[in-house]
Amino acid sequence: MNGKEDREGFSRRKFIKGISMAAGSGLINTPLINKLAAQPAPAFKTIKVTQTNADFEREPMIRPFGFKGGYMTECGKRLLNYK
């Protein structure tokens, strides 16, 4: 018996695996699952991107943030624009 298993030889991992298998097997042939499986997948909408733009903006912090001599005084933010 190791530290990860209890007296009967079950570990948490084996228990979770067994419970999830039992719960999943009960859902295989239910009316809800059959109804969802019979529905056709929705059609995807197409998106046309005509223009893109990217920028980087630095925003100053209220006070420096850091550890062991390395401090940040600004926070960088990425800006993306799609049309």
C-alpha atoms as a PDB file:
ATOM      1  CA  MET A   1       0.000   0.000   0.000  1.00  0.00           C
ATOM      2  CA  ASN A   2       1.484   3.348  -1.003  1.00  0.00           C
ATOM      3  CA  GLY A   3       0.545   6.784   0.270  1.00  0.00           C
ATOM      4  CA  LYS A   4      -1.792   7.541  -2.653  1.00  0.00           C
ATOM      5  CA  GLU A   5      -3.994   4.468  -2.272  1.00  0.00           C
ATOM      6  CA  ASP A   6      -6.223   3.593   0.646  1.00  0.00           C
ATOM      7  CA  ARG A   7      -6.653   0.144   2.221  1.00  0.00           C
ATOM      8  CA  GLU A   8      -8.826  -1.314  -0.561  1.00  0.00           C
ATOM      9  CA  GLY A   9      -6.405  -0.299  -3.334  1.00  0.00           C
ATOM     10  CA  PHE A  10      -8.503   2.546  -4.733  1.00  0.00           C
ATOM     11  CA  SER A  11      -6.986   5.895  -5.492  1.00  0.00           C
ATOM     12  CA  ARG A  12      -8.852   9.144  -6.098  1.00  0.00           C
ATOM     13  CA  ARG A  13      -7.984   8.910  -9.779  1.00  0.00           C
ATOM     14  CA  LYS A  14      -9.509   5.408 -10.095  1.00  0.00           C
ATOM     15  CA  PHE A  15     -12.615   6.545  -8.196  1.00  0.00           C
ATOM     16  CA  ILE A  16     -13.187   9.612 -10.414  1.00  0.00           C
ATOM     17  CA  LYS A  17     -12.594   7.542 -13.562  1.00  0.00           C
ATOM     18  CA  GLY A  18     -15.103   4.898 -12.443  1.00  0.00           C
ATOM     19  CA  ILE A  19     -17.770   7.429 -11.468  1.00  0.00           C
ATOM     20  CA  SER A  20     -17.421   9.396 -14.712  1.00  0.00           C
ATOM     21  CA  MET A  21     -17.636   6.190 -16.781  1.00  0.00           C
ATOM     22  CA  ALA A  22     -20.792   5.124 -14.904  1.00  0.00           C
ATOM     23  CA  ALA A  23     -22.428   8.544 -15.290  1.00  0.00           C
ATOM     24  CA  GLY A  24     -21.487   8.804 -18.956  1.00  0.00           C
ATOM     25  CA  SER A  25     -22.793   5.352 -19.791  1.00  0.00           C
ATOM     26  CA  GLY A  26     -26.196   6.299 -18.408  1.00  0.00           C
ATOM     27  CA  LEU A  27     -26.470   9.174 -20.910  1.00  0.00           C
ATOM     28  CA  ILE A  28     -25.657   7.216 -24.065  1.00  0.00           C
ATOM     29  CA  ASN A  29     -29.171   6.212 -25.126  1.00  0.00           C
ATOM     30  CA  THR A  30     -31.408   8.894 -23.613  1.00  0.00           C
ATOM     31  CA  PRO A  31     -34.091  10.732 -25.650  1.00  0.00           C
ATOM     32  CA  LEU A  32     -32.361  14.105 -25.194  1.00  0.00           C
ATOM     33  CA  ILE A  33     -29.036  12.832 -26.543  1.00  0.00           C
ATOM     34  CA  ASN A  34     -30.777  11.116 -29.470  1.00  0.00           C
ATOM     35  CA  LYS A  35     -32.690  14.322 -30.295  1.00  0.00           C
ATOM     36  CA  LEU A  36     -29.520  16.438 -30.189  1.00  0.00           C
ATOM     37  CA  ALA A  37     -27.634  13.943 -32.355  1.00  0.00           C
ATOM     38  CA  ALA A  38     -30.394  13.937 -34.994  1.00  0.00           C
ATOM     39  CA  GLN A  39     -30.370  17.744 -35.449  1.00  0.00           C
ATOM     40  CA  PRO A  40     -28.269  19.074 -38.321  1.00  0.00           C
ATOM     41  CA  ALA A  41     -25.335  21.290 -37.417  1.00  0.00           C
ATOM     42  CA  PRO A  42     -26.034  25.039 -37.834  1.00  0.00           C
ATOM     43  CA  ALA A  43     -24.518  26.668 -40.895  1.00  0.00           C
ATOM     44  CA  PHE A  44     -21.582  28.959 -40.229  1.00  0.00           C
ATOM     45  CA  LYS A  45     -21.857  32.619 -41.157  1.00  0.00           C
ATOM     46  CA  THR A  46     -19.096  34.011 -43.301  1.00  0.00           C
ATOM     47  CA  ILE A  47     -17.230  37.120 -42.246  1.00  0.00           C
ATOM     48  CA  LYS A  48     -15.404  39.344 -44.705  1.00  0.00           C
ATOM     49  CA  VAL A  49     -12.489  41.289 -43.215  1.00  0.00           C
ATOM     50  CA  THR A  50     -11.756  44.356 -45.329  1.00  0.00           C
ATOM     51  CA  GLN A  51      -9.146  46.118 -43.186  1.00  0.00           C
ATOM     52  CA  THR A  52      -7.045  45.416 -40.098  1.00  0.00           C
ATOM     53  CA  ASN A  53      -4.927  47.620 -37.895  1.00  0.00           C
ATOM     54  CA  ALA A  54      -2.761  46.931 -34.837  1.00  0.00           C
ATOM     55  CA  ASP A  55      -1.143  49.280 -32.359  1.00  0.00           C
ATOM     56  CA  PHE A  56       0.701  49.140 -29.044  1.00  0.00           C
ATOM     57  CA  GLU A  57      -0.089  51.620 -26.292  1.00  0.00           C
ATOM     58  CA  ARG A  58       1.866  52.206 -23.082  1.00  0.00           C
ATOM     59  CA  GLU A  59      -0.092  53.210 -20.015  1.00  0.00           C
ATOM     60  CA  PRO A  60       1.834  54.583 -17.000  1.00  0.00           C
ATOM     61  CA  MET A  61       1.280  52.856 -13.657  1.00  0.00           C
ATOM     62  CA  ILE A  62       0.355  54.730 -10.481  1.00  0.00           C
ATOM     63  CA  ARG A  63       3.503  53.431  -8.761  1.00  0.00           C
ATOM     64  CA  PRO A  64       6.320  51.106  -9.912  1.00  0.00           C
ATOM     65  CA  PHE A  65       5.685  47.375  -9.625  1.00  0.00           C
ATOM     66  CA  GLY A  66       8.550  44.924  -9.314  1.00  0.00           C
ATOM     67  CA  PHE A  67      10.774  42.605  -7.346  1.00  0.00           C
ATOM     68  CA  LYS A  68      14.518  42.459  -6.599  1.00  0.00           C
ATOM     69  CA  GLY A  69      15.491  45.573  -8.509  1.00  0.00           C
ATOM     70  CA  GLY A  70      13.449  44.957 -11.657  1.00  0.00           C
ATOM     71  CA  TYR A  71      10.534  47.395 -11.722  1.00  0.00           C
ATOM     72  CA  MET A  72       7.905  48.195 -14.307  1.00  0.00           C
ATOM     73  CA  THR A  73       6.649  51.753 -14.630  1.00  0.00           C
ATOM     74  CA  GLU A  74       4.405  51.225 -17.680  1.00  0.00           C
ATOM     75  CA  CYS A  75       1.856  48.639 -18.741  1.00  0.00           C
ATOM     76  CA  GLY A  76       1.729  47.760 -22.438  1.00  0.00           C
ATOM     77  CA  LYS A  77      -1.632  47.143 -24.126  1.00  0.00           C
ATOM     78  CA  ARG A  78      -2.294  45.756 -27.577  1.00  0.00           C
ATOM     79  CA  LEU A  79      -4.995  47.417 -29.666  1.00  0.00           C
ATOM     80  CA  LEU A  80      -6.562  45.570 -32.608  1.00  0.00           C
ATOM     81  CA  ASN A  81      -9.053  46.961 -35.105  1.00  0.00           C
ATOM     82  CA  TYR A  82     -10.980  44.892 -37.639  1.00  0.00           C
ATOM     83  CA  LYS A  83     -13.368  46.221 -40.287  1.00  0.00           C
END
